[in-house]
C-alpha atoms as a PDB file:
ATOM      1  CA  MET A   1       0.000   0.000   0.000  1.00  0.00           C
ATOM      2  CA  LYS A   2       1.488   3.341  -1.045  1.00  0.00           C
ATOM      3  CA  ILE A   3       0.730   6.822   0.250  1.00  0.00           C
ATOM      4  CA  GLU A   4       0.164   7.952  -3.318  1.00  0.00           C
ATOM      5  CA  ASP A   5      -2.846   5.590  -3.588  1.00  0.00           C
ATOM      6  CA  TYR A   6      -4.936   7.783  -1.272  1.00  0.00           C
ATOM      7  CA  GLN A   7      -6.470  11.133  -2.121  1.00  0.00           C
ATOM      8  CA  GLY A   8      -5.310  14.143  -0.127  1.00  0.00           C
ATOM      9  CA  ALA A   9      -3.984  14.454   3.392  1.00  0.00           C
ATOM     10  CA  THR A  10      -7.348  13.791   5.038  1.00  0.00           C
ATOM     11  CA  GLY A  11      -7.932  10.683   2.914  1.00  0.00           C
ATOM     12  CA  LYS A  12      -4.514   9.301   3.803  1.00  0.00           C
ATOM     13  CA  ILE A  13      -5.101   9.855   7.508  1.00  0.00           C
ATOM     14  CA  LEU A  14      -8.553   8.212   7.303  1.00  0.00           C
ATOM     15  CA  SER A  15      -7.024   5.269   5.440  1.00  0.00           C
ATOM     16  CA  ALA A  16      -4.390   4.888   8.159  1.00  0.00           C
ATOM     17  CA  GLN A  17      -7.135   4.917  10.809  1.00  0.00           C
ATOM     18  CA  GLU A  18      -8.960   2.121   8.987  1.00  0.00           C
ATOM     19  CA  LEU A  19      -5.765   0.086   8.759  1.00  0.00           C
ATOM     20  CA  LEU A  20      -5.107   0.571  12.483  1.00  0.00           C
ATOM     21  CA  LYS A  21      -8.306  -1.346  13.290  1.00  0.00           C
ATOM     22  CA  ASN A  22      -7.198  -4.662  11.770  1.00  0.00           C
ATOM     23  CA  ARG A  23      -3.626  -4.257  10.562  1.00  0.00           C
ATOM     24  CA  ARG A  24      -1.992  -2.036  13.138  1.00  0.00           C
ATOM     25  CA  LYS A  25       1.548  -2.308  11.781  1.00  0.00           C
ATOM     26  CA  SER A  26       0.400  -1.276   8.285  1.00  0.00           C
ATOM     27  CA  GLY A  27      -1.511   1.691   9.723  1.00  0.00           C
ATOM     28  CA  ILE A  28       1.516   2.858  11.725  1.00  0.00           C
ATOM     29  CA  ASN A  29       3.743   2.432   8.656  1.00  0.00           C
ATOM     30  CA  LEU A  30       1.347   4.567   6.603  1.00  0.00           C
ATOM     31  CA  LEU A  31       1.283   7.281   9.293  1.00  0.00           C
ATOM     32  CA  ASP A  32       5.083   7.221   9.501  1.00  0.00           C
ATOM     33  CA  ARG A  33       5.437   7.572   5.729  1.00  0.00           C
ATOM     34  CA  LEU A  34       2.924  10.412   5.671  1.00  0.00           C
ATOM     35  CA  PHE A  35       4.760  12.126   8.543  1.00  0.00           C
ATOM     36  CA  ARG A  36       8.125  11.757   6.791  1.00  0.00           C
ATOM     37  CA  SER A  37       6.660  13.209   3.578  1.00  0.00           C
ATOM     38  CA  GLY A  38       5.343  16.280   5.435  1.00  0.00           C
ATOM     39  CA  THR A  39       6.961  19.695   5.468  1.00  0.00           C
ATOM     40  CA  LEU A  40       7.963  22.013   8.266  1.00  0.00           C
ATOM     41  CA  PRO A  41       4.951  24.096   9.362  1.00  0.00           C
ATOM     42  CA  ASP A  42       5.155  27.843   8.893  1.00  0.00           C
ATOM     43  CA  ALA A  43       6.721  29.418  11.990  1.00  0.00           C
ATOM     44  CA  SER A  44       3.869  31.933  12.036  1.00  0.00           C
ATOM     45  CA  LEU A  45       1.270  29.196  12.677  1.00  0.00           C
ATOM     46  CA  SER A  46      -1.219  31.060  14.840  1.00  0.00           C
ATOM     47  CA  GLY A  47      -4.553  30.639  16.565  1.00  0.00           C
ATOM     48  CA  GLY A  48      -6.687  27.608  17.306  1.00  0.00           C
ATOM     49  CA  LEU A  49      -6.592  24.380  15.314  1.00  0.00           C
ATOM     50  CA  ALA A  50      -9.139  21.574  15.640  1.00  0.00           C
ATOM     51  CA  GLY A  51      -7.544  18.347  16.823  1.00  0.00           C
ATOM     52  CA  LYS A  52      -8.274  14.679  16.384  1.00  0.00           C
ATOM     53  CA  MET A  53      -6.537  11.770  18.087  1.00  0.00           C
ATOM     54  CA  ILE A  54      -5.597   9.228  15.427  1.00  0.00           C
ATOM     55  CA  ASP A  55      -3.851   6.589  17.516  1.00  0.00           C
ATOM     56  CA  ILE A  56      -2.498   6.108  21.001  1.00  0.00           C
ATOM     57  CA  HIS A  57      -0.339   3.261  22.256  1.00  0.00           C
ATOM     58  CA  ILE A  58       1.407   3.492  25.616  1.00  0.00           C
ATOM     59  CA  SER A  59       1.155   0.073  27.253  1.00  0.00           C
ATOM     60  CA  PRO A  60      -1.608  -2.536  26.836  1.00  0.00           C
ATOM     61  CA  LEU A  61      -3.840  -1.691  29.829  1.00  0.00           C
ATOM     62  CA  LEU A  62      -3.165   2.055  29.880  1.00  0.00           C
ATOM     63  CA  THR A  63      -3.812   2.289  26.134  1.00  0.00           C
ATOM     64  CA  GLN A  64      -7.255   0.690  26.501  1.00  0.00           C
ATOM     65  CA  ILE A  65      -8.195   3.048  29.342  1.00  0.00           C
ATOM     66  CA  VAL A  66      -7.077   6.167  27.451  1.00  0.00           C
ATOM     67  CA  GLN A  67      -8.820   5.022  24.248  1.00  0.00           C
ATOM     68  CA  PHE A  68     -12.063   4.423  26.169  1.00  0.00           C
ATOM     69  CA  ILE A  69     -11.869   7.881  27.784  1.00  0.00           C
ATOM     70  CA  TYR A  70     -11.155   9.555  24.446  1.00  0.00           C
ATOM     71  CA  ARG A  71     -13.994   7.736  22.625  1.00  0.00           C
ATOM     72  CA  THR A  72     -16.454   8.483  25.428  1.00  0.00           C
ATOM     73  CA  TRP A  73     -15.671  12.104  26.365  1.00  0.00           C
ATOM     74  CA  LYS A  74     -13.407  13.540  23.616  1.00  0.00           C
ATOM     75  CA  PRO A  75     -11.292  15.287  26.306  1.00  0.00           C
ATOM     76  CA  TRP A  76      -8.945  16.971  23.812  1.00  0.00           C
ATOM     77  CA  GLN A  77     -10.108  19.326  21.056  1.00  0.00           C
ATOM     78  CA  GLY A  78      -6.899  20.681  19.542  1.00  0.00           C
ATOM     79  CA  LYS A  79      -4.216  23.266  20.151  1.00  0.00           C
ATOM     80  CA  VAL A  80      -3.812  27.023  20.062  1.00  0.00           C
ATOM     81  CA  PHE A  81      -0.563  28.682  18.945  1.00  0.00           C
ATOM     82  CA  TYR A  82       0.941  32.033  19.960  1.00  0.00           C
ATOM     83  CA  PRO A  83       3.980  32.370  17.658  1.00  0.00           C
ATOM     84  CA  ASN A  84       5.043  35.772  19.022  1.00  0.00           C
ATOM     85  CA  ARG A  85       5.646  34.047  22.386  1.00  0.00           C
ATOM     86  CA  SER A  86       6.801  30.674  20.921  1.00  0.00           C
ATOM     87  CA  LEU A  87       4.095  29.157  23.097  1.00  0.00           C
ATOM     88  CA  GLY A  88       0.938  27.127  22.701  1.00  0.00           C
ATOM     89  CA  TYR A  89      -1.750  25.361  24.732  1.00  0.00           C
ATOM     90  CA  ASN A  90      -3.990  22.338  24.442  1.00  0.00           C
ATOM     91  CA  LEU A  91      -7.716  22.977  24.048  1.00  0.00           C
ATOM     92  CA  ILE A  92      -9.887  21.046  26.489  1.00  0.00           C
ATOM     93  CA  PRO A  93     -13.699  21.141  26.620  1.00  0.00           C
ATOM     94  CA  HIS A  94     -15.152  22.534  29.854  1.00  0.00           C
ATOM     95  CA  ASN A  95     -17.176  19.358  30.374  1.00  0.00           C
ATOM     96  CA  SER A  96     -13.979  17.235  30.429  1.00  0.00           C
ATOM     97  CA  LEU A  97     -12.089  19.179  33.093  1.00  0.00           C
ATOM     98  CA  ILE A  98     -12.964  16.587  35.741  1.00  0.00           C
ATOM     99  CA  LEU A  99     -10.990  14.012  33.728  1.00  0.00           C
ATOM    100  CA  TYR A 100      -7.872  16.156  34.144  1.00  0.00           C
ATOM    101  CA  ARG A 101      -8.504  17.285  37.708  1.00  0.00           C
ATOM    102  CA  MET A 102      -8.673  13.711  39.022  1.00  0.00           C
ATOM    103  CA  PRO A 103      -5.133  12.635  38.016  1.00  0.00           C
ATOM    104  CA  PHE A 104      -3.683  16.179  38.290  1.00  0.00           C
ATOM    105  CA  PRO A 105      -5.357  17.720  41.368  1.00  0.00           C
ATOM    106  CA  LEU A 106      -2.536  20.240  41.927  1.00  0.00           C
ATOM    107  CA  TYR A 107      -2.523  21.581  38.366  1.00  0.00           C
ATOM    108  CA  ARG A 108      -4.136  25.034  38.317  1.00  0.00           C
ATOM    109  CA  GLU A 109      -3.109  26.640  35.023  1.00  0.00           C
ATOM    110  CA  TYR A 110      -6.437  26.321  33.219  1.00  0.00           C
ATOM    111  CA  ARG A 111      -7.231  29.416  31.120  1.00  0.00           C
ATOM    112  CA  VAL A 112     -10.734  30.090  29.826  1.00  0.00           C
ATOM    113  CA  SER A 113     -10.539  30.083  26.038  1.00  0.00           C
ATOM    114  CA  GLY A 114     -14.161  30.469  25.032  1.00  0.00           C
ATOM    115  CA  GLN A 115     -17.613  29.270  25.919  1.00  0.00           C
ATOM    116  CA  LYS A 116     -16.748  25.629  25.333  1.00  0.00           C
ATOM    117  CA  THR A 117     -12.985  25.268  25.825  1.00  0.00           C
ATOM    118  CA  VAL A 118     -10.168  25.863  28.275  1.00  0.00           C
ATOM    119  CA  GLN A 119      -6.474  26.241  27.465  1.00  0.00           C
ATOM    120  CA  ALA A 120      -4.179  24.016  29.523  1.00  0.00           C
ATOM    121  CA  PHE A 121      -0.844  22.190  29.543  1.00  0.00           C
ATOM    122  CA  PRO A 122       1.291  24.740  27.678  1.00  0.00           C
ATOM    123  CA  PHE A 123       4.156  23.859  25.359  1.00  0.00           C
ATOM    124  CA  GLN A 124       7.208  25.720  24.072  1.00  0.00           C
ATOM    125  CA  ILE A 125       7.484  25.885  20.269  1.00  0.00           C
ATOM    126  CA  SER A 126      10.794  25.327  18.465  1.00  0.00           C
ATOM    127  CA  ILE A 127      12.126  23.887  15.205  1.00  0.00           C
ATOM    128  CA  GLY A 128      14.479  20.929  14.959  1.00  0.00           C
ATOM    129  CA  PRO A 129      15.050  17.367  13.778  1.00  0.00           C
ATOM    130  CA  GLY A 130      12.491  14.707  14.672  1.00  0.00           C
ATOM    131  CA  ILE A 131      13.220  12.418  17.614  1.00  0.00           C
ATOM    132  CA  LYS A 132      12.548   9.242  15.606  1.00  0.00           C
ATOM    133  CA  ASP A 133      13.039  10.943  12.210  1.00  0.00           C
ATOM    134  CA  PRO A 134      16.256  12.971  12.604  1.00  0.00           C
ATOM    135  CA  ASP A 135      16.384  13.747   8.876  1.00  0.00           C
ATOM    136  CA  VAL A 136      12.963  15.486   9.017  1.00  0.00           C
ATOM    137  CA  GLN A 137      12.661  19.089  10.260  1.00  0.00           C
ATOM    138  CA  VAL A 138       9.630  19.380  12.538  1.00  0.00           C
ATOM    139  CA  MET A 139       7.889  21.895  14.751  1.00  0.00           C
ATOM    140  CA  LYS A 140       8.582  20.681  18.292  1.00  0.00           C
ATOM    141  CA  LEU A 141       6.001  21.214  21.031  1.00  0.00           C
ATOM    142  CA  ASP A 142       7.920  20.737  24.280  1.00  0.00           C
ATOM    143  CA  TYR A 143       5.862  20.307  27.467  1.00  0.00           C
ATOM    144  CA  ASN A 144       8.851  20.474  29.834  1.00  0.00           C
ATOM    145  CA  LEU A 145       7.625  23.704  31.441  1.00  0.00           C
ATOM    146  CA  SER A 146       7.555  24.347  35.185  1.00  0.00           C
ATOM    147  CA  GLY A 147       3.751  24.524  35.580  1.00  0.00           C
ATOM    148  CA  ASN A 148       3.032  21.190  33.875  1.00  0.00           C
ATOM    149  CA  PRO A 149       2.722  17.935  35.868  1.00  0.00           C
ATOM    150  CA  ARG A 150       6.274  16.663  36.360  1.00  0.00           C
ATOM    151  CA  LEU A 151       5.817  12.896  35.995  1.00  0.00           C
ATOM    152  CA  THR A 152       3.622  12.971  32.899  1.00  0.00           C
ATOM    153  CA  PHE A 153       3.216  16.098  30.773  1.00  0.00           C
ATOM    154  CA  ARG A 154       6.757  17.356  31.317  1.00  0.00           C
ATOM    155  CA  ARG A 155       8.017  14.155  29.712  1.00  0.00           C
ATOM    156  CA  LEU A 156       6.026  14.734  26.501  1.00  0.00           C
ATOM    157  CA  MET A 157       7.257  16.146  23.209  1.00  0.00           C
ATOM    158  CA  ASP A 158       4.902  16.523  20.252  1.00  0.00           C
ATOM    159  CA  GLU A 159       6.215  16.956  16.720  1.00  0.00           C
ATOM    160  CA  LEU A 160       4.245  18.519  13.893  1.00  0.00           C
ATOM    161  CA  VAL A 161       4.538  18.519  10.089  1.00  0.00           C
ATOM    162  CA  TYR A 162       2.270  19.994   7.433  1.00  0.00           C
ATOM    163  CA  VAL A 163       0.731  17.366   5.125  1.00  0.00           C
ATOM    164  CA  GLY A 164      -1.488  19.605   2.970  1.00  0.00           C
ATOM    165  CA  GLU A 165      -5.056  20.917   2.699  1.00  0.00           C
ATOM    166  CA  GLY A 166      -4.766  22.815   5.994  1.00  0.00           C
ATOM    167  CA  VAL A 167      -3.929  19.551   7.814  1.00  0.00           C
ATOM    168  CA  TYR A 168      -0.995  18.929  10.155  1.00  0.00           C
ATOM    169  CA  LEU A 169       0.110  15.481  11.337  1.00  0.00           C
ATOM    170  CA  GLY A 170       1.583  15.135  14.797  1.00  0.00           C
ATOM    171  CA  LYS A 171       3.556  12.512  16.663  1.00  0.00           C
ATOM    172  CA  ALA A 172       3.457  12.392  20.456  1.00  0.00           C
ATOM    173  CA  HIS A 173       6.578  11.096  22.216  1.00  0.00           C
ATOM    174  CA  PHE A 174       7.108  10.211  25.879  1.00  0.00           C
ATOM    175  CA  GLN A 175      10.525  10.106  27.535  1.00  0.00           C
ATOM    176  CA  TRP A 176      10.826   7.244  30.005  1.00  0.00           C
ATOM    177  CA  TYR A 177      12.739   7.710  33.255  1.00  0.00           C
ATOM    178  CA  TRP A 178      15.757   5.828  31.854  1.00  0.00           C
ATOM    179  CA  GLY A 179      15.972   8.306  28.954  1.00  0.00           C
ATOM    180  CA  ARG A 180      14.466   6.394  26.007  1.00  0.00           C
ATOM    181  CA  TRP A 181      11.827   8.144  23.882  1.00  0.00           C
ATOM    182  CA  GLN A 182       8.743   6.193  22.790  1.00  0.00           C
ATOM    183  CA  THR A 183       6.219   7.298  20.180  1.00  0.00           C
ATOM    184  CA  VAL A 184       2.922   7.005  22.065  1.00  0.00           C
ATOM    185  CA  GLY A 185       0.466   8.534  19.628  1.00  0.00           C
ATOM    186  CA  TYR A 186      -0.468  10.291  16.413  1.00  0.00           C
ATOM    187  CA  PHE A 187      -2.868  13.187  16.039  1.00  0.00           C
ATOM    188  CA  SER A 188      -4.014  15.626  13.398  1.00  0.00           C
ATOM    189  CA  LEU A 189      -4.663  19.347  13.574  1.00  0.00           C
ATOM    190  CA  SER A 190      -6.758  21.170  11.032  1.00  0.00           C
ATOM    191  CA  THR A 191      -7.548  24.763  10.178  1.00  0.00           C
ATOM    192  CA  LYS A 192     -11.096  23.536   9.399  1.00  0.00           C
ATOM    193  CA  ARG A 193     -13.187  23.619  12.589  1.00  0.00           C
END
């Protein structure tokens, strides 16, 4: 199966999602090829982008729990970018805040973003080589900021490439305590809300 067989960025991502259901390795390979074919996003990327979780894989039990939560409550809606500050935030629906307050009771940096969303878990924006794809220049979204939960969010690094049609493909990486990075998920961001 070749990337070129699918129509447009959205079609390729949808095809990868279908493959993930029954042929996980093929779906991941398609996402990786699409990611590697992407281009560096414009440094002036600004404002809110609608998000969609494509895949998550941490460890068998934890993956099933997170997938159930995401399917049931859709606790993540995208990201907002502030290029003049090299900073961004995740967009969380108001009705999902309880899902974040339970595991992170001490986190208090929620910022009202509108009638339906809150900004939380900020990230620093930079440009550099991919963690797993060092020959690909990516936009790095680094969560290692003092206000974020130390044992979880501060160990995350998202990477973003532009794949066309107003669509960005992201990889989420987690750094284990012994230093190794693991790709734990894929997501898309879109200028279409």
